Protein backbone atom coordinates (compact mmCIF):
# COMPACT_ATOMS: atom_id res chain seq x y z
CA MET A 1 -54.57 -43.71 -13.87
CA LYS A 2 -51.97 -45.44 -11.72
CA HIS A 3 -49.46 -45.13 -14.55
CA SER A 4 -50.14 -41.37 -14.76
CA LEU A 5 -49.69 -40.92 -11.00
CA TRP A 6 -46.43 -42.81 -11.05
CA LEU A 7 -45.23 -40.68 -13.98
CA GLN A 8 -46.04 -37.44 -12.14
CA ALA A 9 -44.29 -38.67 -9.00
CA ALA A 10 -41.21 -39.58 -11.03
CA ARG A 11 -41.13 -36.12 -12.60
CA ILE A 12 -41.37 -34.49 -9.18
CA LEU A 13 -38.47 -36.57 -7.90
CA ILE A 14 -36.38 -35.63 -10.96
CA PHE A 15 -37.09 -31.90 -10.41
CA ILE A 16 -36.13 -32.20 -6.74
CA ALA A 17 -32.92 -33.99 -7.65
CA LEU A 18 -32.03 -31.38 -10.27
CA GLY A 19 -32.73 -28.55 -7.82
CA ALA A 20 -30.57 -30.14 -5.17
CA SER A 21 -27.81 -30.61 -7.71
CA THR A 22 -28.02 -26.95 -8.76
CA LEU A 23 -27.92 -25.76 -5.15
CA ALA A 24 -24.96 -27.98 -4.41
CA SER A 25 -23.17 -26.70 -7.50
CA GLY A 26 -23.84 -23.08 -6.47
CA ALA A 27 -22.62 -23.77 -2.93
CA THR A 28 -19.47 -25.36 -4.34
CA ARG A 29 -18.80 -22.32 -6.54
CA ALA A 30 -19.36 -19.96 -3.60
CA GLN A 31 -17.00 -22.04 -1.50
CA ASN A 32 -14.40 -22.13 -4.25
CA ALA A 33 -14.55 -18.32 -4.56
CA SER A 34 -12.91 -18.01 -1.17
CA THR A 35 -10.79 -21.14 -1.04
CA PRO A 36 -7.26 -20.68 0.33
CA ASP A 37 -5.65 -21.93 -2.89
CA TYR A 38 -6.91 -19.02 -5.02
CA VAL A 39 -3.91 -17.33 -6.66
CA PRO A 40 -4.42 -14.25 -8.86
CA LYS A 41 -2.47 -13.90 -12.09
CA ILE A 42 -0.71 -10.68 -13.06
CA GLY A 43 -2.57 -9.22 -16.01
CA GLN A 44 -5.87 -10.90 -15.24
CA GLN A 45 -8.87 -8.88 -16.36
CA GLY A 46 -10.89 -6.97 -13.77
CA LYS A 47 -13.98 -4.80 -14.10
CA ASP A 48 -12.13 -1.61 -15.07
CA VAL A 49 -8.45 -2.57 -15.28
CA ILE A 50 -6.20 -5.59 -15.39
CA TRP A 51 -4.53 -6.57 -12.12
CA VAL A 52 -0.88 -5.54 -11.81
CA PRO A 53 0.32 -5.27 -8.19
CA THR A 54 2.24 -2.26 -6.89
CA PRO A 55 5.72 -3.19 -5.62
CA PRO A 56 6.10 -2.99 -1.82
CA ALA A 57 8.88 -0.38 -1.99
CA LEU A 58 6.66 1.95 -4.01
CA ILE A 59 3.73 1.39 -1.64
CA GLU A 60 5.89 2.49 1.28
CA ARG A 61 7.04 5.57 -0.63
CA MET A 62 3.44 6.45 -1.50
CA LEU A 63 2.43 6.18 2.14
CA ASP A 64 5.47 8.26 3.11
CA MET A 65 4.48 10.96 0.61
CA ALA A 66 1.00 11.07 2.17
CA GLN A 67 2.53 10.97 5.68
CA VAL A 68 0.19 8.15 6.69
CA GLY A 69 0.02 7.61 10.44
CA PRO A 70 -2.22 6.24 13.20
CA ASN A 71 -4.70 9.11 12.97
CA ASP A 72 -5.46 8.55 9.29
CA TYR A 73 -8.25 6.78 7.47
CA VAL A 74 -6.90 5.37 4.21
CA VAL A 75 -9.07 4.14 1.33
CA ASP A 76 -7.53 2.16 -1.53
CA LEU A 77 -9.64 2.04 -4.70
CA GLY A 78 -9.04 -1.20 -6.55
CA ALA A 79 -7.44 -2.98 -3.60
CA GLY A 80 -6.42 -6.20 -5.36
CA ASP A 81 -4.72 -8.57 -2.93
CA GLY A 82 -4.83 -5.93 -0.18
CA ARG A 83 -1.14 -5.04 -0.01
CA THR A 84 -1.59 -1.24 0.16
CA VAL A 85 -4.32 -1.46 2.79
CA ILE A 86 -2.23 -3.88 4.85
CA ALA A 87 0.84 -1.61 4.63
CA ALA A 88 -1.24 1.35 5.86
CA ALA A 89 -2.70 -0.74 8.68
CA LYS A 90 0.80 -1.70 9.80
CA ARG A 91 1.41 2.02 10.35
CA GLY A 92 -1.55 2.12 12.70
CA ALA A 93 -3.98 3.71 10.24
CA ARG A 94 -7.53 2.53 9.71
CA ALA A 95 -7.66 1.33 6.12
CA LEU A 96 -10.37 0.18 3.73
CA GLY A 97 -9.89 -1.56 0.40
CA VAL A 98 -12.59 -1.45 -2.28
CA GLU A 99 -12.31 -4.34 -4.75
CA TYR A 100 -14.82 -5.58 -7.34
CA ASN A 101 -13.54 -9.17 -7.62
CA PRO A 102 -14.92 -11.25 -4.72
CA ASP A 103 -12.05 -13.74 -5.04
CA MET A 104 -9.57 -10.93 -4.47
CA VAL A 105 -11.59 -9.60 -1.53
CA ALA A 106 -11.41 -12.99 0.14
CA LEU A 107 -7.68 -13.24 -0.59
CA ALA A 108 -7.05 -9.73 0.80
CA ARG A 109 -8.88 -10.61 4.01
CA ARG A 110 -6.77 -13.75 4.41
CA ASN A 111 -3.61 -11.72 3.78
CA ALA A 112 -4.68 -9.21 6.45
CA GLU A 113 -5.23 -12.04 8.93
CA THR A 114 -1.79 -13.45 8.13
CA ALA A 115 -0.28 -10.00 8.70
CA HIS A 116 -2.20 -9.66 12.01
CA VAL A 117 -3.84 -6.37 10.98
CA SER A 118 -7.44 -7.50 10.45
CA GLY A 119 -8.58 -5.03 13.10
CA ASN A 120 -7.41 -2.06 11.05
CA ALA A 121 -7.57 -3.48 7.52
CA GLN A 122 -11.06 -3.94 6.11
CA PHE A 123 -12.13 -4.95 2.60
CA ILE A 124 -15.44 -4.66 0.79
CA GLN A 125 -16.61 -5.99 -2.55
CA GLY A 126 -17.88 -3.04 -4.57
CA ASP A 127 -17.65 -0.69 -7.53
CA ILE A 128 -15.23 2.20 -6.94
CA PHE A 129 -17.60 4.58 -8.74
CA GLU A 130 -20.51 3.68 -6.48
CA THR A 131 -18.64 3.65 -3.17
CA ASP A 132 -18.62 6.59 -0.76
CA PHE A 133 -14.97 7.32 0.03
CA SER A 134 -15.54 10.96 0.97
CA GLN A 135 -14.40 10.52 4.59
CA ALA A 136 -10.91 9.31 3.70
CA ASP A 137 -7.88 11.27 4.86
CA VAL A 138 -5.75 9.49 2.26
CA LEU A 139 -6.85 7.99 -1.06
CA THR A 140 -4.57 5.57 -2.92
CA LEU A 141 -4.94 4.62 -6.59
CA TYR A 142 -3.42 2.47 -9.29
CA LEU A 143 -5.91 3.10 -12.06
CA LEU A 144 -5.80 4.21 -15.67
CA PRO A 145 -5.77 7.96 -16.46
CA SER A 146 -9.32 7.77 -17.83
CA LEU A 147 -10.54 6.31 -14.53
CA ASN A 148 -8.64 8.92 -12.51
CA LEU A 149 -10.36 11.57 -14.60
CA ARG A 150 -13.79 10.06 -13.90
CA LEU A 151 -13.01 10.07 -10.19
CA ARG A 152 -11.58 13.59 -10.18
CA PRO A 153 -14.85 15.51 -9.64
CA MET A 154 -15.62 13.33 -6.60
CA ILE A 155 -12.08 13.75 -5.28
CA LEU A 156 -12.20 17.54 -5.57
CA LYS A 157 -15.33 17.55 -3.40
CA MET A 158 -13.52 15.76 -0.57
CA LYS A 159 -12.46 17.72 2.47
CA PRO A 160 -9.55 20.11 1.86
CA GLY A 161 -6.26 18.56 2.88
CA THR A 162 -7.11 15.03 1.73
CA ARG A 163 -4.00 13.44 0.25
CA VAL A 164 -4.38 11.50 -2.99
CA VAL A 165 -1.54 9.25 -4.13
CA SER A 166 -1.43 7.48 -7.49
CA HIS A 167 0.93 4.87 -8.86
CA ALA A 168 2.01 5.67 -12.44
CA PHE A 169 -0.99 7.67 -13.65
CA THR A 170 -1.86 11.35 -13.42
CA MET A 171 -5.02 13.50 -13.19
CA ALA A 172 -4.69 15.19 -16.60
CA ASP A 173 -4.36 18.98 -16.14
CA TRP A 174 -4.54 18.79 -12.34
CA GLN A 175 -0.81 18.95 -11.69
CA PRO A 176 0.54 16.90 -8.76
CA ASP A 177 1.83 18.64 -5.65
CA GLN A 178 4.62 16.08 -5.37
CA THR A 179 6.24 13.49 -7.62
CA ASP A 180 8.64 10.73 -6.60
CA LYS A 181 10.24 7.64 -8.11
CA VAL A 182 11.18 4.22 -6.80
CA GLU A 183 12.91 1.66 -9.01
CA SER A 184 11.88 3.54 -12.19
CA ARG A 185 8.23 3.64 -11.10
CA THR A 186 6.53 6.97 -10.46
CA ALA A 187 4.17 8.06 -7.69
CA TYR A 188 2.14 11.26 -7.76
CA MET A 189 0.47 13.06 -4.87
CA TRP A 190 -2.20 15.74 -4.83
CA ILE A 191 -3.59 17.62 -1.84
CA VAL A 192 -7.28 18.47 -2.26
CA PRO A 193 -7.43 22.28 -2.22
CA ALA A 194 -9.99 24.42 -0.44
CA SER A 195 -12.41 26.28 -2.69
CA ILE A 196 -11.37 29.95 -2.76
CA GLU A 197 -12.75 31.20 -6.07
CA GLY A 198 -14.89 34.31 -5.75
CA THR A 199 -14.78 37.83 -4.37
CA TRP A 200 -13.47 38.48 -0.87
CA ARG A 201 -13.53 41.59 1.33
CA LEU A 202 -10.02 42.11 2.64
CA THR A 203 -9.00 43.86 5.86
CA THR A 204 -5.72 44.13 7.74
CA SER A 205 -4.90 45.05 11.32
CA ASP A 206 -3.21 48.31 10.33
CA GLY A 207 -6.54 50.06 9.88
CA THR A 208 -7.60 49.43 6.29
CA SER A 209 -11.07 50.61 5.40
CA GLY A 210 -12.58 47.21 4.73
CA ASN A 211 -13.33 48.16 1.13
CA ASP A 212 -10.27 46.34 -0.20
CA GLN A 213 -10.89 43.16 -2.14
CA LEU A 214 -9.48 39.97 -3.55
CA VAL A 215 -11.13 38.74 -6.77
CA LEU A 216 -9.90 35.20 -7.39
CA ARG A 217 -10.13 32.65 -10.16
CA GLN A 218 -9.08 29.16 -9.11
CA ARG A 219 -7.55 26.34 -11.10
CA PHE A 220 -7.11 23.40 -8.74
CA GLN A 221 -4.31 24.34 -6.26
CA TYR A 222 -3.49 27.63 -8.01
CA ALA A 223 -5.31 30.93 -8.40
CA ASP A 224 -4.93 34.31 -10.00
CA GLY A 225 -6.94 37.49 -10.04
CA LEU A 226 -7.02 41.04 -8.75
CA VAL A 227 -6.17 42.54 -5.38
CA ARG A 228 -6.78 45.95 -3.82
CA LEU A 229 -5.09 46.89 -0.55
CA ASN A 230 -5.14 50.26 1.20
CA GLY A 231 -7.06 51.63 -1.76
CA LYS A 232 -4.34 50.68 -4.20
CA ALA A 233 -4.46 48.12 -6.97
CA GLY A 234 -1.77 45.51 -6.80
CA GLN A 235 -0.36 42.68 -8.82
CA LEU A 236 -1.19 39.23 -7.48
CA GLN A 237 1.52 36.58 -7.77
CA ASP A 238 2.21 32.97 -6.77
CA PHE A 239 -1.22 32.17 -5.30
CA LYS A 240 -1.03 28.59 -3.99
CA ILE A 241 -3.62 26.54 -2.09
CA GLN A 242 -2.41 23.51 -0.15
CA GLY A 243 -5.42 22.01 1.55
CA ILE A 244 -6.68 24.81 3.79
CA LYS A 245 -3.40 26.74 3.62
CA VAL A 246 -3.00 29.69 1.26
CA SER A 247 -0.03 31.82 0.30
CA PHE A 248 0.34 34.63 -2.21
CA THR A 249 2.27 37.81 -2.92
CA MET A 250 1.02 41.27 -3.79
CA LEU A 251 3.20 43.82 -5.56
CA GLU A 252 2.14 47.44 -5.08
CA GLN A 253 3.25 49.72 -7.86
CA THR A 254 5.06 52.87 -6.69
CA SER A 255 7.18 55.53 -8.33
CA GLY A 256 10.22 53.49 -7.35
CA GLU A 257 10.61 49.78 -6.75
CA PRO A 258 7.32 47.88 -6.26
CA LEU A 259 6.45 47.18 -2.62
CA ARG A 260 6.15 43.46 -1.82
CA TYR A 261 3.47 42.07 0.52
CA GLU A 262 3.69 38.37 1.42
CA PHE A 263 0.46 36.76 2.63
CA THR A 264 0.07 33.41 4.38
CA GLY A 265 -3.10 32.10 5.98
CA ARG A 266 -5.80 29.46 6.27
CA VAL A 267 -9.30 28.97 4.85
CA SER A 268 -12.24 28.16 7.13
CA ASP A 269 -16.02 28.52 6.69
CA GLY A 270 -15.99 31.32 4.12
CA THR A 271 -13.09 33.24 5.62
CA MET A 272 -9.37 33.43 5.10
CA ALA A 273 -7.06 34.78 7.78
CA GLY A 274 -3.38 34.93 8.51
CA VAL A 275 -0.29 37.12 8.53
CA VAL A 276 0.99 39.55 5.91
CA LYS A 277 4.58 40.77 5.81
CA LEU A 278 4.52 44.45 4.91
CA PRO A 279 7.55 46.63 4.26
CA GLU A 280 7.13 48.15 7.74
CA GLY A 281 6.51 44.84 9.54
CA GLU A 282 3.95 42.06 10.03
CA ARG A 283 0.19 42.54 10.28
CA THR A 284 -2.74 40.20 10.50
CA TRP A 285 -5.26 39.99 7.67
CA THR A 286 -8.75 38.63 7.18
CA ALA A 287 -10.81 38.05 4.05
CA THR A 288 -14.53 37.28 4.01
CA ARG A 289 -16.20 35.84 0.92
CA ILE A 290 -18.90 38.19 -0.37
CA ARG A 291 -19.75 36.33 -3.57
CA PRO A 292 -20.18 32.60 -4.03
CA SER A 293 -17.47 30.60 -5.69
CA ALA A 294 -17.90 29.00 -9.07
CA ASP A 295 -17.66 25.23 -9.50
CA ARG A 296 -14.14 24.02 -9.96
């Protein structure tokens, strides 16, 4: 009996020792994950892409393209060592980096402290496809085209006017609004367009009946369709949506040269309004959506 009791006590002590060793090992690993000597390697594998940092000169050009300033909230998806977030924070913007690798998150936070921008530069460990970035004014990316395409539906639902800047990779058939190069590297920028697809009742300040219409089909920042003004069918040209801004031209067929009407305006809460340049002078115009838009 005594031998059995001693054997049980010995086993308990061994289990306790093994548990303590496991906890100590786990604590050591957790500590090592954020140790100051962690140095990432270019080309190291991440969750979705390998890590290749964006050169500082290109980062500055990307932020210039997006006109990042103190009133902006910038989100960088796949933040790596934090360099894009830190550059935005140095401009006075609030900036958030989303990074899956906890080692890189810890490194980015240390880099932000070194740059004295920790107040504006924040980093979280997370999956870019499960993170809510909908409130960003500016979104920065250095991801593969397939990942950009997966993100595209979420990006198009962001508020109109959001600027999206990508290093090297495009959004398939969503053409960029601006392209620039630095040291043979390319940056692309898109401005999230307002949703304008549908049928709109069109009126102008020169006494139109209110029965005139715009019937629009949208493809990202461009649209085409039919227009009727002053009871006359017209040809719609050059319809462009830049955030909440719209511009387009109507050509009215006449017995002589077509009459040209140039529209500019803004979209807000189911209405469009602005100024139209008519042959006889400027007028104001308003359009109210009377049929829902289709999904983009």
